[in-house]
Amino acid sequence: MGMLAWVMMGLALWHFSIWFPDHYWGGIVGAFVGAIAGAVLSGLIISGFDIPGRSATHLSTTLEAIPGALLGMGLVYLEGLRRERAGEAGAIGLR
Protein backbone atom coordinates (compact mmCIF):
# COMPACT_ATOMS: atom_id res chain seq x y z
CA MET A 1 0.00 0.00 0.00
CA GLY A 2 2.92 2.32 0.61
CA MET A 3 4.01 2.01 -3.01
CA LEU A 4 0.51 2.89 -4.15
CA ALA A 5 0.54 5.97 -1.91
CA TRP A 6 3.87 7.11 -3.35
CA VAL A 7 2.76 6.61 -6.94
CA MET A 8 -0.52 8.45 -6.34
CA MET A 9 1.31 11.41 -4.76
CA GLY A 10 3.67 11.53 -7.75
CA LEU A 11 0.68 11.43 -10.06
CA ALA A 12 -1.05 14.22 -8.13
CA LEU A 13 2.01 16.47 -8.31
CA TRP A 14 2.49 15.66 -12.00
CA HIS A 15 -0.86 17.31 -12.74
CA PHE A 16 0.67 20.67 -11.78
CA SER A 17 3.25 20.39 -14.57
CA ILE A 18 0.76 21.89 -17.02
CA TRP A 19 1.34 25.29 -15.41
CA PHE A 20 4.97 25.35 -16.58
CA PRO A 21 6.30 25.79 -20.12
CA ASP A 22 6.74 22.48 -21.93
CA HIS A 23 10.49 22.19 -21.76
CA TYR A 24 10.38 18.74 -20.17
CA TRP A 25 12.61 16.12 -21.76
CA GLY A 26 10.05 13.91 -23.46
CA GLY A 27 7.25 16.44 -23.00
CA ILE A 28 4.39 15.76 -20.62
CA VAL A 29 5.17 12.02 -20.65
CA GLY A 30 8.72 12.78 -19.54
CA ALA A 31 7.35 14.84 -16.66
CA PHE A 32 5.08 11.92 -15.75
CA VAL A 33 7.97 9.44 -15.70
CA GLY A 34 10.12 11.85 -13.67
CA ALA A 35 7.38 12.41 -11.11
CA ILE A 36 6.55 8.72 -10.64
CA ALA A 37 10.16 7.52 -10.58
CA GLY A 38 11.20 10.30 -8.21
CA ALA A 39 8.26 9.68 -5.89
CA VAL A 40 8.94 5.95 -5.63
CA LEU A 41 12.68 6.40 -5.20
CA SER A 42 12.18 9.06 -2.54
CA GLY A 43 9.66 6.92 -0.70
CA LEU A 44 12.01 3.96 -0.73
CA ILE A 45 14.97 5.99 0.51
CA ILE A 46 13.04 7.70 3.31
CA SER A 47 11.42 4.46 4.47
CA GLY A 48 14.74 2.61 4.52
CA PHE A 49 14.00 0.54 1.38
CA ASP A 50 11.00 -1.04 3.10
CA ILE A 51 7.59 -0.76 1.45
CA PRO A 52 4.94 -0.18 4.14
CA GLY A 53 2.05 -2.64 4.16
CA ARG A 54 -1.63 -1.91 4.63
CA SER A 55 -1.47 -1.51 8.42
CA ALA A 56 1.70 0.62 8.30
CA THR A 57 0.47 3.14 5.71
CA HIS A 58 -0.40 6.58 7.10
CA LEU A 59 -0.72 10.12 5.80
CA SER A 60 2.99 10.61 6.41
CA THR A 61 3.67 7.77 3.95
CA THR A 62 2.30 9.87 1.11
CA LEU A 63 4.32 12.89 2.22
CA GLU A 64 7.54 10.89 1.77
CA ALA A 65 7.03 11.02 -2.00
CA ILE A 66 6.81 14.80 -2.38
CA PRO A 67 10.54 15.68 -2.44
CA GLY A 68 11.34 12.93 -4.93
CA ALA A 69 8.48 13.79 -7.28
CA LEU A 70 9.47 17.44 -7.36
CA LEU A 71 13.13 16.60 -7.80
CA GLY A 72 12.34 14.09 -10.55
CA MET A 73 10.25 16.59 -12.51
CA GLY A 74 12.87 19.27 -11.93
CA LEU A 75 15.65 17.09 -13.33
CA VAL A 76 13.58 16.17 -16.39
CA TYR A 77 12.77 19.86 -16.91
CA LEU A 78 16.43 20.93 -16.67
CA GLU A 79 17.52 18.15 -19.03
CA GLY A 80 14.89 19.27 -21.53
CA LEU A 81 16.10 22.86 -21.32
CA ARG A 82 19.70 21.74 -21.78
CA ARG A 83 18.82 19.69 -24.86
CA GLU A 84 16.79 22.54 -26.37
CA ARG A 85 19.61 25.02 -25.89
CA ALA A 86 22.16 22.59 -27.34
CA GLY A 87 19.88 22.05 -30.36
CA GLU A 88 19.50 25.78 -30.92
CA ALA A 89 23.24 26.34 -30.71
CA GLY A 90 23.82 23.55 -33.23
CA ALA A 91 21.16 24.93 -35.58
CA ILE A 92 22.72 28.41 -35.50
CA GLY A 93 26.16 26.99 -36.27
CA LEU A 94 24.87 25.28 -39.42
CA ARG A 95 23.73 28.49 -41.05
PDB file of N, CA and C in Angstrom:
ATOM      1  N   MET A   1       0.812  -1.199   0.000  1.00  0.00           N
ATOM      2  CA  MET A   1       0.000   0.000   0.000  1.00  0.00           C
ATOM      3  C   MET A   1       0.854   1.261   0.000  1.00  0.00           C
ATOM      4  N   GLY A   2       2.036   1.151   0.588  1.00  0.00           N
ATOM      5  CA  GLY A   2       2.917   2.316   0.606  1.00  0.00           C
ATOM      6  C   GLY A   2       3.342   2.719  -0.791  1.00  0.00           C
ATOM      7  N   MET A   3       3.628   1.737  -1.630  1.00  0.00           N
ATOM      8  CA  MET A   3       4.014   2.013  -3.012  1.00  0.00           C
ATOM      9  C   MET A   3       2.875   2.704  -3.756  1.00  0.00           C
ATOM     10  N   LEU A   4       1.666   2.261  -3.527  1.00  0.00           N
ATOM     11  CA  LEU A   4       0.507   2.894  -4.150  1.00  0.00           C
ATOM     12  C   LEU A   4       0.380   4.349  -3.705  1.00  0.00           C
ATOM     13  N   ALA A   5       0.611   4.600  -2.424  1.00  0.00           N
ATOM     14  CA  ALA A   5       0.540   5.975  -1.906  1.00  0.00           C
ATOM     15  C   ALA A   5       1.606   6.851  -2.542  1.00  0.00           C
ATOM     16  N   TRP A   6       2.810   6.320  -2.719  1.00  0.00           N
ATOM     17  CA  TRP A   6       3.872   7.110  -3.346  1.00  0.00           C
ATOM     18  C   TRP A   6       3.561   7.401  -4.808  1.00  0.00           C
ATOM     19  N   VAL A   7       3.084   6.408  -5.523  1.00  0.00           N
ATOM     20  CA  VAL A   7       2.757   6.606  -6.939  1.00  0.00           C
ATOM     21  C   VAL A   7       1.615   7.612  -7.090  1.00  0.00           C
ATOM     22  N   MET A   8       0.609   7.518  -6.242  1.00  0.00           N
ATOM     23  CA  MET A   8      -0.521   8.448  -6.343  1.00  0.00           C
ATOM     24  C   MET A   8      -0.104   9.878  -6.005  1.00  0.00           C
ATOM     25  N   MET A   9       0.821  10.057  -5.065  1.00  0.00           N
ATOM     26  CA  MET A   9       1.313  11.405  -4.763  1.00  0.00           C
ATOM     27  C   MET A   9       2.120  11.940  -5.939  1.00  0.00           C
ATOM     28  N   GLY A  10       2.943  11.105  -6.557  1.00  0.00           N
ATOM     29  CA  GLY A  10       3.674  11.535  -7.746  1.00  0.00           C
ATOM     30  C   GLY A  10       2.739  11.914  -8.872  1.00  0.00           C
ATOM     31  N   LEU A  11       1.682  11.144  -9.038  1.00  0.00           N
ATOM     32  CA  LEU A  11       0.682  11.432 -10.063  1.00  0.00           C
ATOM     33  C   LEU A  11      -0.039  12.748  -9.767  1.00  0.00           C
ATOM     34  N   ALA A  12      -0.363  12.975  -8.513  1.00  0.00           N
ATOM     35  CA  ALA A  12      -1.049  14.216  -8.132  1.00  0.00           C
ATOM     36  C   ALA A  12      -0.167  15.430  -8.404  1.00  0.00           C
ATOM     37  N   LEU A  13       1.109  15.338  -8.070  1.00  0.00           N
ATOM     38  CA  LEU A  13       2.009  16.466  -8.313  1.00  0.00           C
ATOM     39  C   LEU A  13       2.292  16.651  -9.797  1.00  0.00           C
ATOM     40  N   TRP A  14       2.267  15.569 -10.557  1.00  0.00           N
ATOM     41  CA  TRP A  14       2.489  15.664 -12.002  1.00  0.00           C
ATOM     42  C   TRP A  14       1.420  16.530 -12.668  1.00  0.00           C
ATOM     43  N   HIS A  15       0.216  16.512 -12.146  1.00  0.00           N
ATOM     44  CA  HIS A  15      -0.858  17.308 -12.740  1.00  0.00           C
ATOM     45  C   HIS A  15      -0.543  18.802 -12.743  1.00  0.00           C
ATOM     46  N   PHE A  16       0.310  19.245 -11.838  1.00  0.00           N
ATOM     47  CA  PHE A  16       0.665  20.666 -11.783  1.00  0.00           C
ATOM     48  C   PHE A  16       1.699  21.045 -12.836  1.00  0.00           C
ATOM     49  N   SER A  17       2.242  20.077 -13.557  1.00  0.00           N
ATOM     50  CA  SER A  17       3.255  20.388 -14.565  1.00  0.00           C
ATOM     51  C   SER A  17       2.666  21.137 -15.761  1.00  0.00           C
ATOM     52  N   ILE A  18       1.350  21.151 -15.902  1.00  0.00           N
ATOM     53  CA  ILE A  18       0.755  21.889 -17.025  1.00  0.00           C
ATOM     54  C   ILE A  18       0.902  23.392 -16.858  1.00  0.00           C
ATOM     55  N   TRP A  19       1.207  23.857 -15.655  1.00  0.00           N
ATOM     56  CA  TRP A  19       1.337  25.287 -15.410  1.00  0.00           C
ATOM     57  C   TRP A  19       2.716  25.818 -15.784  1.00  0.00           C
ATOM     58  N   PHE A  20       3.621  24.941 -16.195  1.00  0.00           N
ATOM     59  CA  PHE A  20       4.966  25.352 -16.578  1.00  0.00           C
ATOM     60  C   PHE A  20       5.140  25.184 -18.077  1.00  0.00           C
ATOM     61  N   PRO A  21       6.050  25.964 -18.687  1.00  0.00           N
ATOM     62  CA  PRO A  21       6.297  25.785 -20.121  1.00  0.00           C
ATOM     63  C   PRO A  21       6.768  24.362 -20.412  1.00  0.00           C
ATOM     64  N   ASP A  22       6.425  23.875 -21.578  1.00  0.00           N
ATOM     65  CA  ASP A  22       6.735  22.484 -21.932  1.00  0.00           C
ATOM     66  C   ASP A  22       8.176  22.364 -22.411  1.00  0.00           C
ATOM     67  N   HIS A  23       9.084  22.411 -21.456  1.00  0.00           N
ATOM     68  CA  HIS A  23      10.494  22.194 -21.758  1.00  0.00           C
ATOM     69  C   HIS A  23      10.956  20.860 -21.205  1.00  0.00           C
ATOM     70  N   TYR A  24      10.024  20.031 -20.751  1.00  0.00           N
ATOM     71  CA  TYR A  24      10.383  18.743 -20.175  1.00  0.00           C
ATOM     72  C   TYR A  24      10.992  17.851 -21.238  1.00  0.00           C
ATOM     73  N   TRP A  25      12.009  17.084 -20.857  1.00  0.00           N
ATOM     74  CA  TRP A  25      12.614  16.118 -21.760  1.00  0.00           C
ATOM     75  C   TRP A  25      11.595  15.009 -21.979  1.00  0.00           C
ATOM     76  N   GLY A  26      11.093  14.882 -23.151  1.00  0.00           N
ATOM     77  CA  GLY A  26      10.049  13.907 -23.458  1.00  0.00           C
ATOM     78  C   GLY A  26       8.656  14.486 -23.321  1.00  0.00           C
ATOM     79  N   GLY A  27       8.551  15.784 -23.102  1.00  0.00           N
ATOM     80  CA  GLY A  27       7.245  16.437 -22.995  1.00  0.00           C
ATOM     81  C   GLY A  27       6.517  16.068 -21.716  1.00  0.00           C
ATOM     82  N   ILE A  28       5.212  16.023 -21.795  1.00  0.00           N
ATOM     83  CA  ILE A  28       4.391  15.758 -20.624  1.00  0.00           C
ATOM     84  C   ILE A  28       4.590  14.323 -20.130  1.00  0.00           C
ATOM     85  N   VAL A  29       4.907  13.407 -21.048  1.00  0.00           N
ATOM     86  CA  VAL A  29       5.168  12.024 -20.651  1.00  0.00           C
ATOM     87  C   VAL A  29       6.487  11.944 -19.879  1.00  0.00           C
ATOM     88  N   GLY A  30       7.465  12.730 -20.274  1.00  0.00           N
ATOM     89  CA  GLY A  30       8.721  12.781 -19.536  1.00  0.00           C
ATOM     90  C   GLY A  30       8.520  13.313 -18.124  1.00  0.00           C
ATOM     91  N   ALA A  31       7.657  14.315 -17.989  1.00  0.00           N
ATOM     92  CA  ALA A  31       7.345  14.844 -16.658  1.00  0.00           C
ATOM     93  C   ALA A  31       6.643  13.779 -15.820  1.00  0.00           C
ATOM     94  N   PHE A  32       5.786  12.999 -16.448  1.00  0.00           N
ATOM     95  CA  PHE A  32       5.085  11.918 -15.752  1.00  0.00           C
ATOM     96  C   PHE A  32       6.073  10.873 -15.227  1.00  0.00           C
ATOM     97  N   VAL A  33       6.979  10.450 -16.091  1.00  0.00           N
ATOM     98  CA  VAL A  33       7.967   9.445 -15.700  1.00  0.00           C
ATOM     99  C   VAL A  33       8.865   9.986 -14.591  1.00  0.00           C
ATOM    100  N   GLY A  34       9.283  11.241 -14.701  1.00  0.00           N
ATOM    101  CA  GLY A  34      10.119  11.848 -13.672  1.00  0.00           C
ATOM    102  C   GLY A  34       9.415  11.930 -12.333  1.00  0.00           C
ATOM    103  N   ALA A  35       8.140  12.294 -12.348  1.00  0.00           N
ATOM    104  CA  ALA A  35       7.380  12.412 -11.107  1.00  0.00           C
ATOM    105  C   ALA A  35       7.179  11.058 -10.443  1.00  0.00           C
ATOM    106  N   ILE A  36       6.803  10.047 -11.211  1.00  0.00           N
ATOM    107  CA  ILE A  36       6.547   8.725 -10.642  1.00  0.00           C
ATOM    108  C   ILE A  36       7.843   8.086 -10.150  1.00  0.00           C
ATOM    109  N   ALA A  37       8.888   8.122 -10.973  1.00  0.00           N
ATOM    110  CA  ALA A  37      10.163   7.523 -10.579  1.00  0.00           C
ATOM    111  C   ALA A  37      10.749   8.228  -9.359  1.00  0.00           C
ATOM    112  N   GLY A  38      10.680   9.543  -9.356  1.00  0.00           N
ATOM    113  CA  GLY A  38      11.196  10.298  -8.213  1.00  0.00           C
ATOM    114  C   GLY A  38      10.418  10.031  -6.946  1.00  0.00           C
ATOM    115  N   ALA A  39       9.105   9.941  -7.059  1.00  0.00           N
ATOM    116  CA  ALA A  39       8.264   9.685  -5.888  1.00  0.00           C
ATOM    117  C   ALA A  39       8.551   8.316  -5.289  1.00  0.00           C
ATOM    118  N   VAL A  40       8.666   7.310  -6.128  1.00  0.00           N
ATOM    119  CA  VAL A  40       8.935   5.953  -5.630  1.00  0.00           C
ATOM    120  C   VAL A  40      10.335   5.871  -5.031  1.00  0.00           C
ATOM    121  N   LEU A  41      11.314   6.446  -5.705  1.00  0.00           N
ATOM    122  CA  LEU A  41      12.678   6.404  -5.195  1.00  0.00           C
ATOM    123  C   LEU A  41      12.795   7.146  -3.869  1.00  0.00           C
ATOM    124  N   SER A  42      12.168   8.304  -3.789  1.00  0.00           N
ATOM    125  CA  SER A  42      12.177   9.064  -2.542  1.00  0.00           C
ATOM    126  C   SER A  42      11.490   8.303  -1.417  1.00  0.00           C
ATOM    127  N   GLY A  43      10.357   7.704  -1.708  1.00  0.00           N
ATOM    128  CA  GLY A  43       9.658   6.922  -0.699  1.00  0.00           C
ATOM    129  C   GLY A  43      10.481   5.754  -0.202  1.00  0.00           C
ATOM    130  N   LEU A  44      11.165   5.079  -1.120  1.00  0.00           N
ATOM    131  CA  LEU A  44      12.014   3.963  -0.731  1.00  0.00           C
ATOM    132  C   LEU A  44      13.185   4.417   0.134  1.00  0.00           C
ATOM    133  N   ILE A  45      13.818   5.501  -0.257  1.00  0.00           N
ATOM    134  CA  ILE A  45      14.969   5.991   0.506  1.00  0.00           C
ATOM    135  C   ILE A  45      14.555   6.427   1.905  1.00  0.00           C
ATOM    136  N   ILE A  46      13.480   7.196   2.006  1.00  0.00           N
ATOM    137  CA  ILE A  46      13.042   7.699   3.307  1.00  0.00           C
ATOM    138  C   ILE A  46      12.571   6.567   4.214  1.00  0.00           C
ATOM    139  N   SER A  47      11.934   5.562   3.651  1.00  0.00           N
ATOM    140  CA  SER A  47      11.424   4.464   4.471  1.00  0.00           C
ATOM    141  C   SER A  47      12.475   3.394   4.750  1.00  0.00           C
ATOM    142  N   GLY A  48      13.689   3.594   4.287  1.00  0.00           N
ATOM    143  CA  GLY A  48      14.743   2.609   4.518  1.00  0.00           C
ATOM    144  C   GLY A  48      14.630   1.400   3.615  1.00  0.00           C
ATOM    145  N   PHE A  49      14.186   1.591   2.388  1.00  0.00           N
ATOM    146  CA  PHE A  49      13.996   0.537   1.383  1.00  0.00           C
ATOM    147  C   PHE A  49      13.057  -0.561   1.877  1.00  0.00           C
ATOM    148  N   ASP A  50      12.041  -0.138   2.614  1.00  0.00           N
ATOM    149  CA  ASP A  50      11.003  -1.042   3.097  1.00  0.00           C
ATOM    150  C   ASP A  50       9.659  -0.459   2.656  1.00  0.00           C
ATOM    151  N   ILE A  51       8.889  -1.238   1.927  1.00  0.00           N
ATOM    152  CA  ILE A  51       7.591  -0.757   1.455  1.00  0.00           C
ATOM    153  C   ILE A  51       6.551  -1.030   2.539  1.00  0.00           C
ATOM    154  N   PRO A  52       5.929   0.023   3.079  1.00  0.00           N
ATOM    155  CA  PRO A  52       4.939  -0.182   4.142  1.00  0.00           C
ATOM    156  C   PRO A  52       3.725  -0.965   3.642  1.00  0.00           C
ATOM    157  N   GLY A  53       3.243  -1.861   4.480  1.00  0.00           N
ATOM    158  CA  GLY A  53       2.054  -2.637   4.155  1.00  0.00           C
ATOM    159  C   GLY A  53       0.792  -1.864   4.478  1.00  0.00           C
ATOM    160  N   ARG A  54      -0.331  -2.546   4.406  1.00  0.00           N
ATOM    161  CA  ARG A  54      -1.626  -1.911   4.628  1.00  0.00           C
ATOM    162  C   ARG A  54      -1.737  -1.299   6.030  1.00  0.00           C
ATOM    163  N   SER A  55      -1.316  -2.008   7.046  1.00  0.00           N
ATOM    164  CA  SER A  55      -1.472  -1.508   8.417  1.00  0.00           C
ATOM    165  C   SER A  55      -0.430  -0.452   8.781  1.00  0.00           C
ATOM    166  N   ALA A  56       0.646  -0.352   8.007  1.00  0.00           N
ATOM    167  CA  ALA A  56       1.700   0.619   8.304  1.00  0.00           C
ATOM    168  C   ALA A  56       1.615   1.871   7.431  1.00  0.00           C
ATOM    169  N   THR A  57       0.611   1.994   6.608  1.00  0.00           N
ATOM    170  CA  THR A  57       0.470   3.144   5.713  1.00  0.00           C
ATOM    171  C   THR A  57      -0.348   4.231   6.398  1.00  0.00           C
ATOM    172  N   HIS A  58       0.243   5.426   6.462  1.00  0.00           N
ATOM    173  CA  HIS A  58      -0.403   6.576   7.096  1.00  0.00           C
ATOM    174  C   HIS A  58      -0.294   7.777   6.163  1.00  0.00           C
ATOM    175  N   LEU A  59      -0.819   8.896   6.596  1.00  0.00           N
ATOM    176  CA  LEU A  59      -0.724  10.119   5.799  1.00  0.00           C
ATOM    177  C   LEU A  59       0.733  10.497   5.571  1.00  0.00           C
ATOM    178  N   SER A  60       1.568  10.271   6.557  1.00  0.00           N
ATOM    179  CA  SER A  60       2.987  10.606   6.411  1.00  0.00           C
ATOM    180  C   SER A  60       3.661   9.765   5.327  1.00  0.00           C
ATOM    181  N   THR A  61       3.122   8.607   5.019  1.00  0.00           N
ATOM    182  CA  THR A  61       3.672   7.765   3.948  1.00  0.00           C
ATOM    183  C   THR A  61       3.570   8.485   2.610  1.00  0.00           C
ATOM    184  N   THR A  62       2.461   9.151   2.376  1.00  0.00           N
ATOM    185  CA  THR A  62       2.302   9.873   1.111  1.00  0.00           C
ATOM    186  C   THR A  62       3.220  11.094   1.051  1.00  0.00           C
ATOM    187  N   LEU A  63       3.469  11.703   2.196  1.00  0.00           N
ATOM    188  CA  LEU A  63       4.325  12.891   2.222  1.00  0.00           C
ATOM    189  C   LEU A  63       5.780  12.558   1.901  1.00  0.00           C
ATOM    190  N   GLU A  64       6.167  11.307   2.087  1.00  0.00           N
ATOM    191  CA  GLU A  64       7.535  10.895   1.772  1.00  0.00           C
ATOM    192  C   GLU A  64       7.838  11.013   0.285  1.00  0.00           C
ATOM    193  N   ALA A  65       6.831  11.005  -0.552  1.00  0.00           N
ATOM    194  CA  ALA A  65       7.033  11.024  -2.004  1.00  0.00           C
ATOM    195  C   ALA A  65       7.180  12.424  -2.575  1.00  0.00           C
ATOM    196  N   ILE A  66       6.817  13.437  -1.829  1.00  0.00           N
ATOM    197  CA  ILE A  66       6.812  14.796  -2.376  1.00  0.00           C
ATOM    198  C   ILE A  66       8.197  15.273  -2.818  1.00  0.00           C
ATOM    199  N   PRO A  67       9.241  15.170  -1.977  1.00  0.00           N
ATOM    200  CA  PRO A  67      10.543  15.677  -2.440  1.00  0.00           C
ATOM    201  C   PRO A  67      11.051  14.973  -3.695  1.00  0.00           C
ATOM    202  N   GLY A  68      10.862  13.676  -3.772  1.00  0.00           N
ATOM    203  CA  GLY A  68      11.338  12.930  -4.933  1.00  0.00           C
ATOM    204  C   GLY A  68      10.581  13.272  -6.205  1.00  0.00           C
ATOM    205  N   ALA A  69       9.267  13.446  -6.093  1.00  0.00           N
ATOM    206  CA  ALA A  69       8.478  13.787  -7.280  1.00  0.00           C
ATOM    207  C   ALA A  69       8.878  15.156  -7.816  1.00  0.00           C
ATOM    208  N   LEU A  70       9.063  16.108  -6.920  1.00  0.00           N
ATOM    209  CA  LEU A  70       9.472  17.443  -7.356  1.00  0.00           C
ATOM    210  C   LEU A  70      10.881  17.431  -7.932  1.00  0.00           C
ATOM    211  N   LEU A  71      11.766  16.696  -7.298  1.00  0.00           N
ATOM    212  CA  LEU A  71      13.134  16.601  -7.798  1.00  0.00           C
ATOM    213  C   LEU A  71      13.171  15.879  -9.142  1.00  0.00           C
ATOM    214  N   GLY A  72      12.396  14.817  -9.289  1.00  0.00           N
ATOM    215  CA  GLY A  72      12.341  14.086 -10.555  1.00  0.00           C
ATOM    216  C   GLY A  72      11.840  14.954 -11.700  1.00  0.00           C
ATOM    217  N   MET A  73      10.755  15.696 -11.454  1.00  0.00           N
ATOM    218  CA  MET A  73      10.249  16.585 -12.508  1.00  0.00           C
ATOM    219  C   MET A  73      11.228  17.718 -12.780  1.00  0.00           C
ATOM    220  N   GLY A  74      11.887  18.207 -11.743  1.00  0.00           N
ATOM    221  CA  GLY A  74      12.873  19.272 -11.931  1.00  0.00           C
ATOM    222  C   GLY A  74      14.044  18.821 -12.784  1.00  0.00           C
ATOM    223  N   LEU A  75      14.531  17.609 -12.541  1.00  0.00           N
ATOM    224  CA  LEU A  75      15.647  17.090 -13.331  1.00  0.00           C
ATOM    225  C   LEU A  75      15.251  16.876 -14.787  1.00  0.00           C
ATOM    226  N   VAL A  76      14.062  16.369 -15.016  1.00  0.00           N
ATOM    227  CA  VAL A  76      13.584  16.169 -16.389  1.00  0.00           C
ATOM    228  C   VAL A  76      13.406  17.515 -17.087  1.00  0.00           C
ATOM    229  N   TYR A  77      12.947  18.517 -16.348  1.00  0.00           N
ATOM    230  CA  TYR A  77      12.773  19.858 -16.911  1.00  0.00           C
ATOM    231  C   TYR A  77      14.129  20.462 -17.294  1.00  0.00           C
ATOM    232  N   LEU A  78      15.107  20.361 -16.383  1.00  0.00           N
ATOM    233  CA  LEU A  78      16.427  20.926 -16.665  1.00  0.00           C
ATOM    234  C   LEU A  78      17.113  20.206 -17.824  1.00  0.00           C
ATOM    235  N   GLU A  79      16.938  18.894 -17.913  1.00  0.00           N
ATOM    236  CA  GLU A  79      17.516  18.147 -19.033  1.00  0.00           C
ATOM    237  C   GLU A  79      16.861  18.565 -20.357  1.00  0.00           C
ATOM    238  N   GLY A  80      15.571  18.803 -20.329  1.00  0.00           N
ATOM    239  CA  GLY A  80      14.886  19.272 -21.532  1.00  0.00           C
ATOM    240  C   GLY A  80      15.370  20.640 -21.964  1.00  0.00           C
ATOM    241  N   LEU A  81      15.559  21.533 -20.995  1.00  0.00           N
ATOM    242  CA  LEU A  81      16.099  22.862 -21.322  1.00  0.00           C
ATOM    243  C   LEU A  81      17.502  22.756 -21.907  1.00  0.00           C
ATOM    244  N   ARG A  82      18.325  21.901 -21.301  1.00  0.00           N
ATOM    245  CA  ARG A  82      19.698  21.737 -21.781  1.00  0.00           C
ATOM    246  C   ARG A  82      19.711  21.215 -23.216  1.00  0.00           C
ATOM    247  N   ARG A  83      18.871  20.252 -23.503  1.00  0.00           N
ATOM    248  CA  ARG A  83      18.824  19.694 -24.859  1.00  0.00           C
ATOM    249  C   ARG A  83      18.285  20.708 -25.867  1.00  0.00           C
ATOM    250  N   GLU A  84      17.313  21.517 -25.457  1.00  0.00           N
ATOM    251  CA  GLU A  84      16.787  22.544 -26.367  1.00  0.00           C
ATOM    252  C   GLU A  84      17.855  23.574 -26.686  1.00  0.00           C
ATOM    253  N   ARG A  85      18.574  24.012 -25.667  1.00  0.00           N
ATOM    254  CA  ARG A  85      19.614  25.018 -25.892  1.00  0.00           C
ATOM    255  C   ARG A  85      20.750  24.461 -26.734  1.00  0.00           C
ATOM    256  N   ALA A  86      21.096  23.208 -26.530  1.00  0.00           N
ATOM    257  CA  ALA A  86      22.160  22.590 -27.344  1.00  0.00           C
ATOM    258  C   ALA A  86      21.695  22.457 -28.794  1.00  0.00           C
ATOM    259  N   GLY A  87      20.434  22.163 -28.999  1.00  0.00           N
ATOM    260  CA  GLY A  87      19.883  22.051 -30.360  1.00  0.00           C
ATOM    261  C   GLY A  87      19.847  23.382 -31.059  1.00  0.00           C
ATOM    262  N   GLU A  88      19.520  24.454 -30.329  1.00  0.00           N
ATOM    263  CA  GLU A  88      19.496  25.783 -30.925  1.00  0.00           C
ATOM    264  C   GLU A  88      20.896  26.240 -31.282  1.00  0.00           C
ATOM    265  N   ALA A  89      21.859  25.952 -30.428  1.00  0.00           N
ATOM    266  CA  ALA A  89      23.242  26.345 -30.713  1.00  0.00           C
ATOM    267  C   ALA A  89      23.766  25.603 -31.939  1.00  0.00           C
ATOM    268  N   GLY A  90      23.397  24.316 -32.065  1.00  0.00           N
ATOM    269  CA  GLY A  90      23.819  23.553 -33.234  1.00  0.00           C
ATOM    270  C   GLY A  90      23.150  24.042 -34.493  1.00  0.00           C
ATOM    271  N   ALA A  91      21.889  24.447 -34.401  1.00  0.00           N
ATOM    272  CA  ALA A  91      21.164  24.930 -35.575  1.00  0.00           C
ATOM    273  C   ALA A  91      21.734  26.264 -36.043  1.00  0.00           C
ATOM    274  N   ILE A  92      22.139  27.119 -35.128  1.00  0.00           N
ATOM    275  CA  ILE A  92      22.719  28.410 -35.505  1.00  0.00           C
ATOM    276  C   ILE A  92      24.057  28.202 -36.186  1.00  0.00           C
ATOM    277  N   GLY A  93      24.833  27.246 -35.696  1.00  0.00           N
ATOM    278  CA  GLY A  93      26.157  26.986 -36.266  1.00  0.00           C
ATOM    279  C   GLY A  93      26.102  26.438 -37.677  1.00  0.00           C
ATOM    280  N   LEU A  94      24.989  25.840 -38.086  1.00  0.00           N
ATOM    281  CA  LEU A  94      24.870  25.276 -39.421  1.00  0.00           C
ATOM    282  C   LEU A  94      24.582  26.327 -40.485  1.00  0.00           C
ATOM    283  N   ARG A  95      24.109  27.469 -40.071  1.00  0.00           N
ATOM    284  CA  ARG A  95      23.731  28.492 -41.052  1.00  0.00           C
ATOM    285  C   ARG A  95      24.902  29.263 -41.571  1.00  0.00           C
TER     286      ARG A  95
END
